[in-house]
Amino acid sequence: MRRAVARELGALQERVERWRRDGGGRGGRIPEELWDAAVAVARVEGVYATCRALRFNYYNLKDRMSAVDLERRTEETCVPAAFIELTRGSFGGGGRAVVELVGRGSGLRIEVTGASPVDVVALAQAFWSRAS
């Protein structure tokens, strides 16, 4: 595993040097694909070692890693429900059903009685997409 990462860092170092030779050089903006590759390598090799090998700014790489971590955490915790199970008797037939939706710091509870038709999917989309 360690050799594979060292190989990746070496290959990335060659890509960065090629980019610098081909006109990227001093003062040019480093392409996003090189930053993305640097973030991936730095996760295993470490920020300092990666920056030293690539001659990237330590704080810029560290900030990018923090931004990627925050984005991942946000995506993992804010994934909308991909599946809602409703049994055949849930809505209709004169019974009682309760729909509860929970968002960040807010919730919505609807009690449906009797034969009132409810579009649960539209209700959920409206609740979760509203401006907070």
C-alpha atoms as a PDB file:
ATOM      1  CA  MET A   1       0.000   0.000   0.000  1.00  0.00           C
ATOM      2  CA  ARG A   2       2.743   2.429   0.980  1.00  0.00           C
ATOM      3  CA  ARG A   3       4.630   1.771  -2.265  1.00  0.00           C
ATOM      4  CA  ALA A   4       1.496   2.379  -4.300  1.00  0.00           C
ATOM      5  CA  VAL A   5       0.997   5.757  -2.613  1.00  0.00           C
ATOM      6  CA  ALA A   6       4.664   6.633  -3.069  1.00  0.00           C
ATOM      7  CA  ARG A   7       4.259   5.705  -6.745  1.00  0.00           C
ATOM      8  CA  GLU A   8       1.163   7.893  -6.973  1.00  0.00           C
ATOM      9  CA  LEU A   9       3.034  10.797  -5.399  1.00  0.00           C
ATOM     10  CA  GLY A  10       5.920  10.295  -7.821  1.00  0.00           C
ATOM     11  CA  ALA A  11       3.572  10.184 -10.811  1.00  0.00           C
ATOM     12  CA  LEU A  12       1.768  13.296  -9.565  1.00  0.00           C
ATOM     13  CA  GLN A  13       5.094  15.037  -9.072  1.00  0.00           C
ATOM     14  CA  GLU A  14       5.941  14.315 -12.724  1.00  0.00           C
ATOM     15  CA  ARG A  15       2.543  15.676 -13.861  1.00  0.00           C
ATOM     16  CA  VAL A  16       3.071  18.863 -11.858  1.00  0.00           C
ATOM     17  CA  GLU A  17       6.589  19.327 -13.258  1.00  0.00           C
ATOM     18  CA  ARG A  18       5.287  18.758 -16.801  1.00  0.00           C
ATOM     19  CA  TRP A  19       2.558  21.344 -16.210  1.00  0.00           C
ATOM     20  CA  ARG A  20       5.145  23.824 -14.948  1.00  0.00           C
ATOM     21  CA  ARG A  21       7.450  23.198 -17.936  1.00  0.00           C
ATOM     22  CA  ASP A  22       4.577  23.564 -20.411  1.00  0.00           C
ATOM     23  CA  GLY A  23       3.749  27.077 -19.293  1.00  0.00           C
ATOM     24  CA  GLY A  24       1.894  26.699 -16.019  1.00  0.00           C
ATOM     25  CA  GLY A  25       4.910  27.745 -14.028  1.00  0.00           C
ATOM     26  CA  ARG A  26       5.327  30.558 -11.566  1.00  0.00           C
ATOM     27  CA  GLY A  27       2.232  32.668 -11.002  1.00  0.00           C
ATOM     28  CA  GLY A  28      -0.062  30.372 -12.977  1.00  0.00           C
ATOM     29  CA  ARG A  29      -3.144  28.856 -11.348  1.00  0.00           C
ATOM     30  CA  ILE A  30      -2.711  25.198 -10.572  1.00  0.00           C
ATOM     31  CA  PRO A  31      -5.375  23.179 -12.453  1.00  0.00           C
ATOM     32  CA  GLU A  32      -8.152  21.669 -10.347  1.00  0.00           C
ATOM     33  CA  GLU A  33      -7.310  18.116 -11.419  1.00  0.00           C
ATOM     34  CA  LEU A  34      -3.819  18.526  -9.941  1.00  0.00           C
ATOM     35  CA  TRP A  35      -5.278  19.909  -6.704  1.00  0.00           C
ATOM     36  CA  ASP A  36      -7.750  17.014  -6.539  1.00  0.00           C
ATOM     37  CA  ALA A  37      -4.964  14.489  -7.037  1.00  0.00           C
ATOM     38  CA  ALA A  38      -2.851  16.252  -4.394  1.00  0.00           C
ATOM     39  CA  VAL A  39      -5.724  16.061  -1.894  1.00  0.00           C
ATOM     40  CA  ALA A  40      -6.093  12.322  -2.548  1.00  0.00           C
ATOM     41  CA  VAL A  41      -2.379  11.659  -2.066  1.00  0.00           C
ATOM     42  CA  ALA A  42      -2.160  13.922   1.002  1.00  0.00           C
ATOM     43  CA  ARG A  43      -4.842  11.853   2.735  1.00  0.00           C
ATOM     44  CA  VAL A  44      -2.347   8.989   2.928  1.00  0.00           C
ATOM     45  CA  GLU A  45       1.077  10.643   2.616  1.00  0.00           C
ATOM     46  CA  GLY A  46       0.290  13.682   4.740  1.00  0.00           C
ATOM     47  CA  VAL A  47      -0.086  17.336   3.827  1.00  0.00           C
ATOM     48  CA  TYR A  48       3.513  18.327   4.574  1.00  0.00           C
ATOM     49  CA  ALA A  49       5.120  15.494   2.583  1.00  0.00           C
ATOM     50  CA  THR A  50       2.801  16.080  -0.375  1.00  0.00           C
ATOM     51  CA  CYS A  51       3.393  19.842  -0.399  1.00  0.00           C
ATOM     52  CA  ARG A  52       7.126  19.379  -0.134  1.00  0.00           C
ATOM     53  CA  ALA A  53       7.245  16.917  -3.034  1.00  0.00           C
ATOM     54  CA  LEU A  54       4.943  18.973  -5.268  1.00  0.00           C
ATOM     55  CA  ARG A  55       6.108  22.411  -4.093  1.00  0.00           C
ATOM     56  CA  PHE A  56       2.500  23.402  -3.340  1.00  0.00           C
ATOM     57  CA  ASN A  57       1.476  25.876  -0.661  1.00  0.00           C
ATOM     58  CA  TYR A  58       0.870  23.961   2.579  1.00  0.00           C
ATOM     59  CA  TYR A  59      -2.043  26.106   3.763  1.00  0.00           C
ATOM     60  CA  ASN A  60      -3.813  26.016   0.390  1.00  0.00           C
ATOM     61  CA  LEU A  61      -3.706  22.214   0.330  1.00  0.00           C
ATOM     62  CA  LYS A  62      -4.771  21.993   3.967  1.00  0.00           C
ATOM     63  CA  ASP A  63      -7.739  24.323   3.278  1.00  0.00           C
ATOM     64  CA  ARG A  64      -8.761  22.250   0.263  1.00  0.00           C
ATOM     65  CA  MET A  65      -8.666  19.078   2.333  1.00  0.00           C
ATOM     66  CA  SER A  66     -10.832  20.715   5.004  1.00  0.00           C
ATOM     67  CA  ALA A  67     -13.316  21.906   2.367  1.00  0.00           C
ATOM     68  CA  VAL A  68     -13.550  18.403   0.866  1.00  0.00           C
ATOM     69  CA  ASP A  69     -14.061  16.898   4.351  1.00  0.00           C
ATOM     70  CA  LEU A  70     -16.825  19.397   5.131  1.00  0.00           C
ATOM     71  CA  GLU A  71     -18.498  18.715   1.785  1.00  0.00           C
ATOM     72  CA  ARG A  72     -18.388  14.957   2.408  1.00  0.00           C
ATOM     73  CA  ARG A  73     -19.846  15.308   5.899  1.00  0.00           C
ATOM     74  CA  THR A  74     -22.598  17.560   4.593  1.00  0.00           C
ATOM     75  CA  GLU A  75     -23.439  15.117   1.810  1.00  0.00           C
ATOM     76  CA  GLU A  76     -23.475  12.177   4.223  1.00  0.00           C
ATOM     77  CA  THR A  77     -25.723  13.869   6.777  1.00  0.00           C
ATOM     78  CA  CYS A  78     -28.065  15.680   4.391  1.00  0.00           C
ATOM     79  CA  VAL A  79     -28.988  12.892   2.042  1.00  0.00           C
ATOM     80  CA  PRO A  80     -32.722  13.072   1.417  1.00  0.00           C
ATOM     81  CA  ALA A  81     -34.745   9.933   1.850  1.00  0.00           C
ATOM     82  CA  ALA A  82     -34.451   7.805  -1.239  1.00  0.00           C
ATOM     83  CA  PHE A  83     -37.227   5.470  -0.190  1.00  0.00           C
ATOM     84  CA  ILE A  84     -40.502   5.972   1.610  1.00  0.00           C
ATOM     85  CA  GLU A  85     -42.525   2.868   2.447  1.00  0.00           C
ATOM     86  CA  LEU A  86     -46.281   3.087   2.502  1.00  0.00           C
ATOM     87  CA  THR A  87     -48.425   0.088   3.124  1.00  0.00           C
ATOM     88  CA  ARG A  88     -51.581  -0.391   1.105  1.00  0.00           C
ATOM     89  CA  GLY A  89     -53.834   0.427   4.032  1.00  0.00           C
ATOM     90  CA  SER A  90     -51.882   3.503   5.173  1.00  0.00           C
ATOM     91  CA  PHE A  91     -54.062   6.056   3.404  1.00  0.00           C
ATOM     92  CA  GLY A  92     -57.708   5.492   2.898  1.00  0.00           C
ATOM     93  CA  GLY A  93     -60.220   3.006   4.113  1.00  0.00           C
ATOM     94  CA  GLY A  94     -61.500   5.262   6.907  1.00  0.00           C
ATOM     95  CA  GLY A  95     -58.489   4.701   9.174  1.00  0.00           C
ATOM     96  CA  ARG A  96     -55.981   7.139  10.590  1.00  0.00           C
ATOM     97  CA  ALA A  97     -52.452   7.736   9.311  1.00  0.00           C
ATOM     98  CA  VAL A  98     -49.642   9.985  10.540  1.00  0.00           C
ATOM     99  CA  VAL A  99     -46.947  11.459   8.309  1.00  0.00           C
ATOM    100  CA  GLU A 100     -43.904  12.937  10.071  1.00  0.00           C
ATOM    101  CA  LEU A 101     -41.131  14.770   8.236  1.00  0.00           C
ATOM    102  CA  VAL A 102     -38.043  15.996  10.055  1.00  0.00           C
ATOM    103  CA  GLY A 103     -35.596  18.580   8.750  1.00  0.00           C
ATOM    104  CA  ARG A 104     -32.808  20.617  10.292  1.00  0.00           C
ATOM    105  CA  GLY A 105     -34.319  22.092  13.418  1.00  0.00           C
ATOM    106  CA  SER A 106     -37.879  21.743  12.152  1.00  0.00           C
ATOM    107  CA  GLY A 107     -40.494  19.121  11.670  1.00  0.00           C
ATOM    108  CA  LEU A 108     -43.893  18.595  10.155  1.00  0.00           C
ATOM    109  CA  ARG A 109     -46.542  16.202  11.408  1.00  0.00           C
ATOM    110  CA  ILE A 110     -49.760  15.591   9.507  1.00  0.00           C
ATOM    111  CA  GLU A 111     -52.544  13.357  10.695  1.00  0.00           C
ATOM    112  CA  VAL A 112     -54.821  12.051   7.980  1.00  0.00           C
ATOM    113  CA  THR A 113     -58.154  10.546   8.907  1.00  0.00           C
ATOM    114  CA  GLY A 114     -60.885   9.137   6.738  1.00  0.00           C
ATOM    115  CA  ALA A 115     -60.470   8.727   3.007  1.00  0.00           C
ATOM    116  CA  SER A 116     -58.485  11.958   2.362  1.00  0.00           C
ATOM    117  CA  PRO A 117     -56.005  11.436  -0.459  1.00  0.00           C
ATOM    118  CA  VAL A 118     -52.470  12.617   0.377  1.00  0.00           C
ATOM    119  CA  ASP A 119     -49.545  12.954  -2.046  1.00  0.00           C
ATOM    120  CA  VAL A 120     -46.777  12.084   0.414  1.00  0.00           C
ATOM    121  CA  VAL A 121     -43.961  12.437  -2.121  1.00  0.00           C
ATOM    122  CA  ALA A 122     -45.040  15.973  -3.125  1.00  0.00           C
ATOM    123  CA  LEU A 123     -45.481  16.864   0.531  1.00  0.00           C
ATOM    124  CA  ALA A 124     -41.982  15.617   1.387  1.00  0.00           C
ATOM    125  CA  GLN A 125     -40.385  17.407  -1.577  1.00  0.00           C
ATOM    126  CA  ALA A 126     -42.092  20.679  -0.655  1.00  0.00           C
ATOM    127  CA  PHE A 127     -40.993  20.362   2.981  1.00  0.00           C
ATOM    128  CA  TRP A 128     -37.343  19.510   2.292  1.00  0.00           C
ATOM    129  CA  SER A 129     -36.838  21.976  -0.570  1.00  0.00           C
ATOM    130  CA  ARG A 130     -38.260  25.038   1.149  1.00  0.00           C
ATOM    131  CA  ALA A 131     -35.907  27.926   1.844  1.00  0.00           C
ATOM    132  CA  SER A 132     -34.516  27.718   5.374  1.00  0.00           C
END
